[in-house]
Amino acid sequence: MPDSVELNIEKVLQGLPLETDESAICDYTLEEQTAALETQGIQAIVSPNFKPILKETVTYVVAVLVINDKNELLMIQEAKENCAGKWYLPAGRVEKNETLYDAALREVLEETGLIVECTTLLKIECARGLWMRFSFVGHVTGGTLKTPNQADKESLQAKWIGNLNEVTLRADDILPLIERAREHKVKSKEADWHDDILVGLRSHNKVLLRLVVVIRKKATNRVHVLLSEKNSWHLPICEIHPGKSLHSTLKRFMVDLFGAGVSTHKPHGILSVEHHPSNGDGLCLTLLVVFRPPLEEVPIIGKCVWHETSKELGETLLVRVSQKNSTIPLHVIC
């Protein structure tokens, strides 16, 4: 087994992008997913030639959570007609030819008047139809807080809010994000929290899900990671079905890899995100998946193998799978 495989695993554990040719190694394409659905008598609702196009077939949203030393949250008062006067996080849609990070900085500047630096992804949310929201943690580096006399179509004003009960929120969907951000501010330096992770600058022309699937064998107590042998050794990767939830894509991919009797497993969280608009509006999420408890063997259908990791890498993976905050939370909206 080439050393490059373990190097790639170490890279995604650091949130870094990989330089692999997904067009040659994709293990479960939309075309294959469509064929599998048709064998079950389910009519395809998405073309196998689906192409992610921002603002047409995919929507990426960014939100930024900034908490100051007084534990106040940076919020904006909405100017949009359907929610004017209500309060929300600085957030908005990613524009064409824009990175997720740049979109986050732009939205904060437009809506609050402040310049921020984002330090890490906080949470990723997704829904069918390939809607995804990427929430960042940030801190202020410059600018001037927008006042009511600077109101424009982006926002009416911005404020530091200490008590959310004092304002009317546009929607309650940001409450879990705020709770997570407050927890991150207090606990992020503790050993069980992941390091700061931002979006790896790597372009994709498809929306992909890469898996780091981990088991610990009962007899040897050694950690094994699933690898695909299609064309070259790599972490298993598939296209995310735009007409299904991400959990549905994961379930079908795991059945494709392990068969209908696949053992109980759990998506632990996101290790890395890859995106750059230079060659398409796709992206790649790397998801940590865990089989529990320790198993003697997990049968594979045939196109994959279990790779026994080095002891050092195995210990690193065991730490990741044993700690709640070792990955970026993924929330799938069904």
Protein backbone atom coordinates (compact mmCIF):
# COMPACT_ATOMS: atom_id res chain seq x y z
CA MET A 1 0.00 0.00 0.00
CA PRO A 2 1.64 3.30 -1.05
CA ASP A 3 2.67 5.80 1.63
CA SER A 4 0.73 8.45 -0.31
CA VAL A 5 -2.52 6.96 1.00
CA GLU A 6 -1.60 7.65 4.61
CA LEU A 7 -0.28 11.06 3.64
CA ASN A 8 -3.67 11.85 2.11
CA ILE A 9 -5.45 10.70 5.26
CA GLU A 10 -3.18 12.94 7.33
CA LYS A 11 -3.96 15.83 4.98
CA VAL A 12 -7.73 15.55 5.36
CA LEU A 13 -7.30 15.23 9.13
CA GLN A 14 -5.67 18.69 8.91
CA GLY A 15 -8.47 20.01 6.69
CA LEU A 16 -6.19 20.23 3.66
CA PRO A 17 -7.24 19.55 0.03
CA LEU A 18 -6.10 16.48 -1.92
CA GLU A 19 -4.74 16.51 -5.47
CA THR A 20 -6.54 13.47 -6.85
CA ASP A 21 -8.39 13.09 -10.16
CA GLU A 22 -11.97 12.51 -8.99
CA SER A 23 -13.24 12.19 -12.58
CA ALA A 24 -11.19 9.00 -12.91
CA ILE A 25 -11.73 7.53 -9.45
CA CYS A 26 -15.33 8.42 -8.49
CA ASP A 27 -16.73 5.20 -7.03
CA TYR A 28 -20.46 5.93 -7.23
CA THR A 29 -21.49 8.41 -9.92
CA LEU A 30 -24.94 9.92 -10.45
CA GLU A 31 -25.28 7.63 -13.46
CA GLU A 32 -24.67 4.58 -11.28
CA GLN A 33 -27.04 5.88 -8.60
CA THR A 34 -29.74 6.43 -11.22
CA ALA A 35 -29.30 2.90 -12.54
CA ALA A 36 -29.55 1.48 -9.00
CA LEU A 37 -32.76 3.42 -8.38
CA GLU A 38 -34.28 2.22 -11.66
CA THR A 39 -33.65 -1.43 -10.71
CA GLN A 40 -35.88 -0.73 -7.70
CA GLY A 41 -38.58 0.73 -9.92
CA ILE A 42 -37.82 4.32 -8.86
CA GLN A 43 -37.88 6.83 -11.69
CA ALA A 44 -34.89 9.16 -11.90
CA ILE A 45 -35.67 12.78 -11.02
CA VAL A 46 -32.21 14.14 -11.84
CA SER A 47 -30.22 13.77 -15.04
CA PRO A 48 -27.05 11.67 -14.63
CA ASN A 49 -25.32 14.54 -16.47
CA PHE A 50 -26.27 16.99 -13.71
CA LYS A 51 -23.84 19.90 -13.43
CA PRO A 52 -23.55 22.15 -10.37
CA ILE A 53 -24.14 25.76 -11.43
CA LEU A 54 -24.25 28.43 -8.73
CA LYS A 55 -27.63 30.16 -8.40
CA GLU A 56 -29.16 27.68 -10.87
CA THR A 57 -28.69 24.11 -9.64
CA VAL A 58 -26.75 24.67 -6.39
CA THR A 59 -26.95 27.24 -3.60
CA TYR A 60 -24.11 27.92 -1.20
CA VAL A 61 -24.78 30.22 1.74
CA VAL A 62 -22.25 31.62 4.21
CA ALA A 63 -22.83 32.93 7.72
CA VAL A 64 -20.34 34.47 10.13
CA LEU A 65 -20.50 34.40 13.92
CA VAL A 66 -18.46 37.06 15.71
CA ILE A 67 -18.54 37.27 19.53
CA ASN A 68 -16.69 40.10 21.25
CA ASP A 69 -14.96 40.19 24.64
CA LYS A 70 -18.25 41.19 26.30
CA ASN A 71 -19.84 37.99 24.96
CA GLU A 72 -21.99 40.05 22.60
CA LEU A 73 -22.90 38.74 19.16
CA LEU A 74 -22.55 40.74 15.95
CA MET A 75 -25.99 40.92 14.33
CA ILE A 76 -27.69 42.84 11.55
CA GLN A 77 -31.17 44.28 11.16
CA GLU A 78 -32.68 43.05 7.93
CA ALA A 79 -33.64 45.43 5.11
CA LYS A 80 -35.39 42.86 2.89
CA GLU A 81 -39.10 43.56 2.51
CA ASN A 82 -40.22 40.13 3.72
CA CYS A 83 -38.29 40.39 7.01
CA ALA A 84 -37.50 44.10 7.39
CA GLY A 85 -36.66 45.14 10.95
CA LYS A 86 -35.91 41.64 12.20
CA TRP A 87 -32.46 40.52 13.28
CA TYR A 88 -30.14 37.86 11.93
CA LEU A 89 -26.50 36.89 11.53
CA PRO A 90 -24.48 38.50 8.74
CA ALA A 91 -25.08 35.96 6.00
CA GLY A 92 -25.86 35.56 2.33
CA ARG A 93 -25.40 33.62 -0.88
CA VAL A 94 -22.05 32.95 -2.49
CA GLU A 95 -21.68 34.76 -5.81
CA LYS A 96 -20.19 33.43 -9.05
CA ASN A 97 -16.38 33.26 -9.13
CA GLU A 98 -16.21 33.75 -5.36
CA THR A 99 -14.63 31.49 -2.74
CA LEU A 100 -16.63 30.61 0.35
CA TYR A 101 -14.17 32.55 2.51
CA ASP A 102 -14.31 35.68 0.36
CA ALA A 103 -18.11 35.51 0.34
CA ALA A 104 -18.12 35.42 4.14
CA LEU A 105 -15.88 38.51 4.39
CA ARG A 106 -17.96 40.37 1.77
CA GLU A 107 -21.27 39.67 3.49
CA VAL A 108 -19.97 40.90 6.85
CA LEU A 109 -18.55 44.09 5.35
CA GLU A 110 -21.71 44.85 3.33
CA GLU A 111 -24.10 44.19 6.20
CA THR A 112 -22.17 45.42 9.25
CA GLY A 113 -19.49 47.82 7.97
CA LEU A 114 -16.84 45.76 9.75
CA ILE A 115 -13.82 43.95 8.36
CA VAL A 116 -13.37 40.48 9.81
CA GLU A 117 -10.98 37.59 9.61
CA CYS A 118 -12.53 34.12 9.72
CA THR A 119 -10.56 31.56 11.69
CA THR A 120 -12.46 28.30 11.27
CA LEU A 121 -15.57 26.63 9.95
CA LEU A 122 -18.07 26.17 12.75
CA LYS A 123 -20.80 24.03 11.19
CA ILE A 124 -22.08 22.82 7.83
CA GLU A 125 -25.77 22.41 7.04
CA CYS A 126 -27.25 20.95 3.89
CA ALA A 127 -30.61 20.14 2.36
CA ARG A 128 -31.77 18.33 -0.75
CA GLY A 129 -31.54 20.35 -3.91
CA LEU A 130 -27.89 20.95 -3.02
CA TRP A 131 -28.46 23.86 -0.65
CA MET A 132 -25.54 24.20 1.77
CA ARG A 133 -24.74 26.73 4.48
CA PHE A 134 -21.18 27.14 5.71
CA SER A 135 -20.90 28.95 9.04
CA PHE A 136 -17.61 30.51 10.09
CA VAL A 137 -16.22 31.94 13.32
CA GLY A 138 -14.56 35.32 12.88
CA HIS A 139 -13.13 38.35 14.69
CA VAL A 140 -13.07 42.04 13.81
CA THR A 141 -9.91 43.55 12.33
CA GLY A 142 -11.22 46.93 11.15
CA GLY A 143 -14.10 48.97 9.79
CA THR A 144 -16.90 50.93 11.51
CA LEU A 145 -20.17 49.48 12.76
CA LYS A 146 -23.07 50.39 10.45
CA THR A 147 -25.55 52.85 11.97
CA PRO A 148 -29.21 53.48 10.99
CA ASN A 149 -28.25 56.53 8.93
CA GLN A 150 -26.13 54.21 6.76
CA ALA A 151 -29.04 51.88 6.02
CA ASP A 152 -29.10 50.37 2.53
CA LYS A 153 -30.47 47.34 0.73
CA GLU A 154 -27.98 45.10 2.54
CA SER A 155 -29.11 45.94 6.09
CA LEU A 156 -30.71 48.66 8.20
CA GLN A 157 -27.95 48.63 10.82
CA ALA A 158 -25.63 46.36 12.77
CA LYS A 159 -25.31 45.96 16.54
CA TRP A 160 -23.56 43.95 19.21
CA ILE A 161 -26.34 42.00 20.92
CA GLY A 162 -25.86 40.58 24.39
CA ASN A 163 -29.40 39.34 25.05
CA LEU A 164 -31.24 37.77 22.10
CA ASN A 165 -34.54 38.26 23.92
CA GLU A 166 -34.18 41.98 23.24
CA VAL A 167 -34.60 41.54 19.49
CA THR A 168 -36.98 39.77 17.12
CA LEU A 169 -35.15 37.18 15.07
CA ARG A 170 -35.80 36.65 11.38
CA ALA A 171 -35.73 32.89 12.04
CA ASP A 172 -34.79 30.54 14.88
CA ASP A 173 -32.54 28.41 12.66
CA ILE A 174 -29.51 30.42 13.81
CA LEU A 175 -29.99 29.58 17.51
CA PRO A 176 -28.03 26.28 17.33
CA LEU A 177 -25.25 28.12 15.48
CA ILE A 178 -25.09 30.79 18.16
CA GLU A 179 -25.00 28.16 20.90
CA ARG A 180 -22.18 26.36 19.11
CA ALA A 181 -20.25 29.62 18.62
CA ARG A 182 -20.51 30.48 22.31
CA GLU A 183 -19.30 27.00 23.21
CA HIS A 184 -16.45 27.32 20.70
CA LYS A 185 -15.34 30.64 22.22
CA VAL A 186 -15.05 29.06 25.67
CA LYS A 187 -13.78 25.57 24.84
CA SER A 188 -12.00 25.67 21.47
CA LYS A 189 -8.55 25.54 23.06
CA GLU A 190 -9.38 22.31 24.89
CA ALA A 191 -7.80 19.09 23.61
CA ASP A 192 -11.05 17.52 22.38
CA TRP A 193 -11.80 20.35 19.89
CA HIS A 194 -10.62 20.20 16.31
CA ASP A 195 -7.96 22.64 15.15
CA ASP A 196 -9.02 25.64 13.11
CA ILE A 197 -10.19 24.41 9.69
CA LEU A 198 -11.00 26.59 6.70
CA VAL A 199 -11.98 25.65 3.14
CA GLY A 200 -9.21 24.01 1.11
CA LEU A 201 -8.72 25.83 -2.19
CA ARG A 202 -9.34 23.05 -4.69
CA SER A 203 -11.68 23.27 -7.68
CA HIS A 204 -14.30 20.60 -8.49
CA ASN A 205 -16.86 20.35 -11.29
CA LYS A 206 -19.06 17.96 -9.28
CA VAL A 207 -20.48 17.95 -5.75
CA LEU A 208 -18.67 15.11 -4.03
CA LEU A 209 -18.64 13.18 -0.77
CA ARG A 210 -15.35 11.57 0.26
CA LEU A 211 -15.34 9.06 3.10
CA VAL A 212 -12.83 8.21 5.79
CA VAL A 213 -14.38 4.96 7.06
CA VAL A 214 -12.73 3.64 10.24
CA ILE A 215 -12.90 0.32 12.10
CA ARG A 216 -10.88 -1.07 14.99
CA LYS A 217 -10.34 -4.82 14.69
CA LYS A 218 -11.16 -6.76 17.81
CA ALA A 219 -8.34 -9.31 17.60
CA THR A 220 -5.45 -6.89 17.04
CA ASN A 221 -6.90 -3.59 18.31
CA ARG A 222 -5.41 -2.02 15.18
CA VAL A 223 -7.21 0.66 13.18
CA HIS A 224 -8.17 0.03 9.56
CA VAL A 225 -9.37 2.55 6.95
CA LEU A 226 -11.41 1.70 3.87
CA LEU A 227 -9.69 2.27 0.51
CA SER A 228 -11.02 1.94 -3.02
CA GLU A 229 -8.86 0.26 -5.64
CA LYS A 230 -10.61 1.79 -8.67
CA ASN A 231 -7.78 2.93 -11.03
CA SER A 232 -5.61 3.94 -8.07
CA TRP A 233 -5.73 3.60 -4.29
CA HIS A 234 -7.87 6.34 -2.76
CA LEU A 235 -10.44 7.17 -0.11
CA PRO A 236 -13.91 6.18 -1.39
CA ILE A 237 -15.72 9.04 -3.11
CA CYS A 238 -19.15 9.53 -4.67
CA GLU A 239 -21.34 12.24 -6.15
CA ILE A 240 -23.91 13.74 -3.80
CA HIS A 241 -27.36 13.16 -5.28
CA PRO A 242 -29.07 16.55 -5.76
CA GLY A 243 -32.55 15.06 -5.40
CA LYS A 244 -31.86 13.27 -2.10
CA SER A 245 -30.61 14.25 1.32
CA LEU A 246 -26.91 13.80 2.04
CA HIS A 247 -27.79 11.07 4.53
CA SER A 248 -29.61 9.24 1.73
CA THR A 249 -26.53 9.53 -0.51
CA LEU A 250 -24.34 8.19 2.31
CA LYS A 251 -26.68 5.29 2.99
CA ARG A 252 -26.82 4.23 -0.65
CA PHE A 253 -23.04 4.60 -1.02
CA MET A 254 -22.41 2.44 2.04
CA VAL A 255 -24.76 -0.24 0.66
CA ASP A 256 -22.88 -0.07 -2.64
CA LEU A 257 -19.60 -0.59 -0.77
CA PHE A 258 -20.68 -3.16 1.83
CA GLY A 259 -23.96 -4.67 0.62
CA ALA A 260 -27.46 -4.41 2.06
CA GLY A 261 -26.35 -5.99 5.34
CA VAL A 262 -23.87 -3.22 6.14
CA SER A 263 -23.09 -3.10 9.87
CA THR A 264 -24.19 -0.25 12.09
CA HIS A 265 -22.16 2.87 11.39
CA LYS A 266 -22.32 6.55 12.19
CA PRO A 267 -21.29 9.75 10.38
CA HIS A 268 -19.07 11.49 12.92
CA GLY A 269 -18.56 14.85 11.18
CA ILE A 270 -16.72 16.76 8.46
CA LEU A 271 -12.92 16.64 8.27
CA SER A 272 -12.36 18.90 5.26
CA VAL A 273 -14.09 21.00 2.62
CA GLU A 274 -12.62 21.65 -0.83
CA HIS A 275 -13.90 24.44 -3.08
CA HIS A 276 -12.61 26.98 -5.55
CA PRO A 277 -14.56 28.59 -8.42
CA SER A 278 -11.76 28.34 -11.01
CA ASN A 279 -13.05 25.18 -12.71
CA GLY A 280 -16.70 24.76 -11.81
CA ASP A 281 -19.17 25.26 -8.98
CA GLY A 282 -18.70 21.88 -7.34
CA LEU A 283 -17.06 21.04 -4.04
CA CYS A 284 -15.97 18.06 -1.97
CA LEU A 285 -16.85 17.23 1.64
CA THR A 286 -14.72 14.68 3.50
CA LEU A 287 -16.83 12.83 6.07
CA LEU A 288 -15.54 10.68 8.94
CA VAL A 289 -17.63 7.50 9.28
CA VAL A 290 -17.22 5.11 12.20
CA PHE A 291 -18.15 1.46 12.72
CA ARG A 292 -18.80 0.64 16.37
CA PRO A 293 -18.09 -1.39 18.47
CA PRO A 294 -14.72 -2.98 17.55
CA LEU A 295 -15.30 -5.61 14.88
CA GLU A 296 -13.38 -8.65 13.73
CA GLU A 297 -14.26 -7.93 10.12
CA VAL A 298 -16.65 -5.85 8.05
CA PRO A 299 -17.39 -7.61 4.77
CA ILE A 300 -16.75 -5.66 1.56
CA ILE A 301 -18.41 -6.35 -1.78
CA GLY A 302 -15.19 -6.30 -3.76
CA LYS A 303 -13.97 -2.95 -5.03
CA CYS A 304 -12.47 -1.86 -1.71
CA VAL A 305 -9.98 -3.15 0.84
CA TRP A 306 -9.30 -2.52 4.52
CA HIS A 307 -5.93 -0.83 4.98
CA GLU A 308 -4.25 -1.31 8.35
CA THR A 309 -2.87 2.08 9.27
CA SER A 310 0.42 2.78 10.95
CA LYS A 311 0.16 2.72 14.71
CA GLU A 312 0.64 6.48 14.94
CA LEU A 313 -2.06 7.30 12.38
CA GLY A 314 -4.37 4.74 13.97
CA GLU A 315 -4.03 6.37 17.36
CA THR A 316 -4.78 9.77 15.80
CA LEU A 317 -7.93 8.38 14.18
CA LEU A 318 -9.06 6.73 17.43
CA VAL A 319 -8.76 10.09 19.19
CA ARG A 320 -10.84 11.72 16.46
CA VAL A 321 -13.65 9.16 16.60
CA SER A 322 -13.78 9.18 20.41
CA GLN A 323 -14.21 12.93 20.82
CA LYS A 324 -17.45 14.77 20.11
CA ASN A 325 -15.90 18.03 18.92
CA SER A 326 -13.04 16.58 16.85
CA THR A 327 -14.81 17.28 13.55
CA ILE A 328 -16.98 20.03 12.04
CA PRO A 329 -20.64 19.20 12.79
CA LEU A 330 -22.80 18.30 9.80
CA HIS A 331 -26.52 18.96 10.06
CA VAL A 332 -28.66 17.41 7.35
CA ILE A 333 -32.05 19.06 6.85
CA CYS A 334 -34.39 16.41 5.48
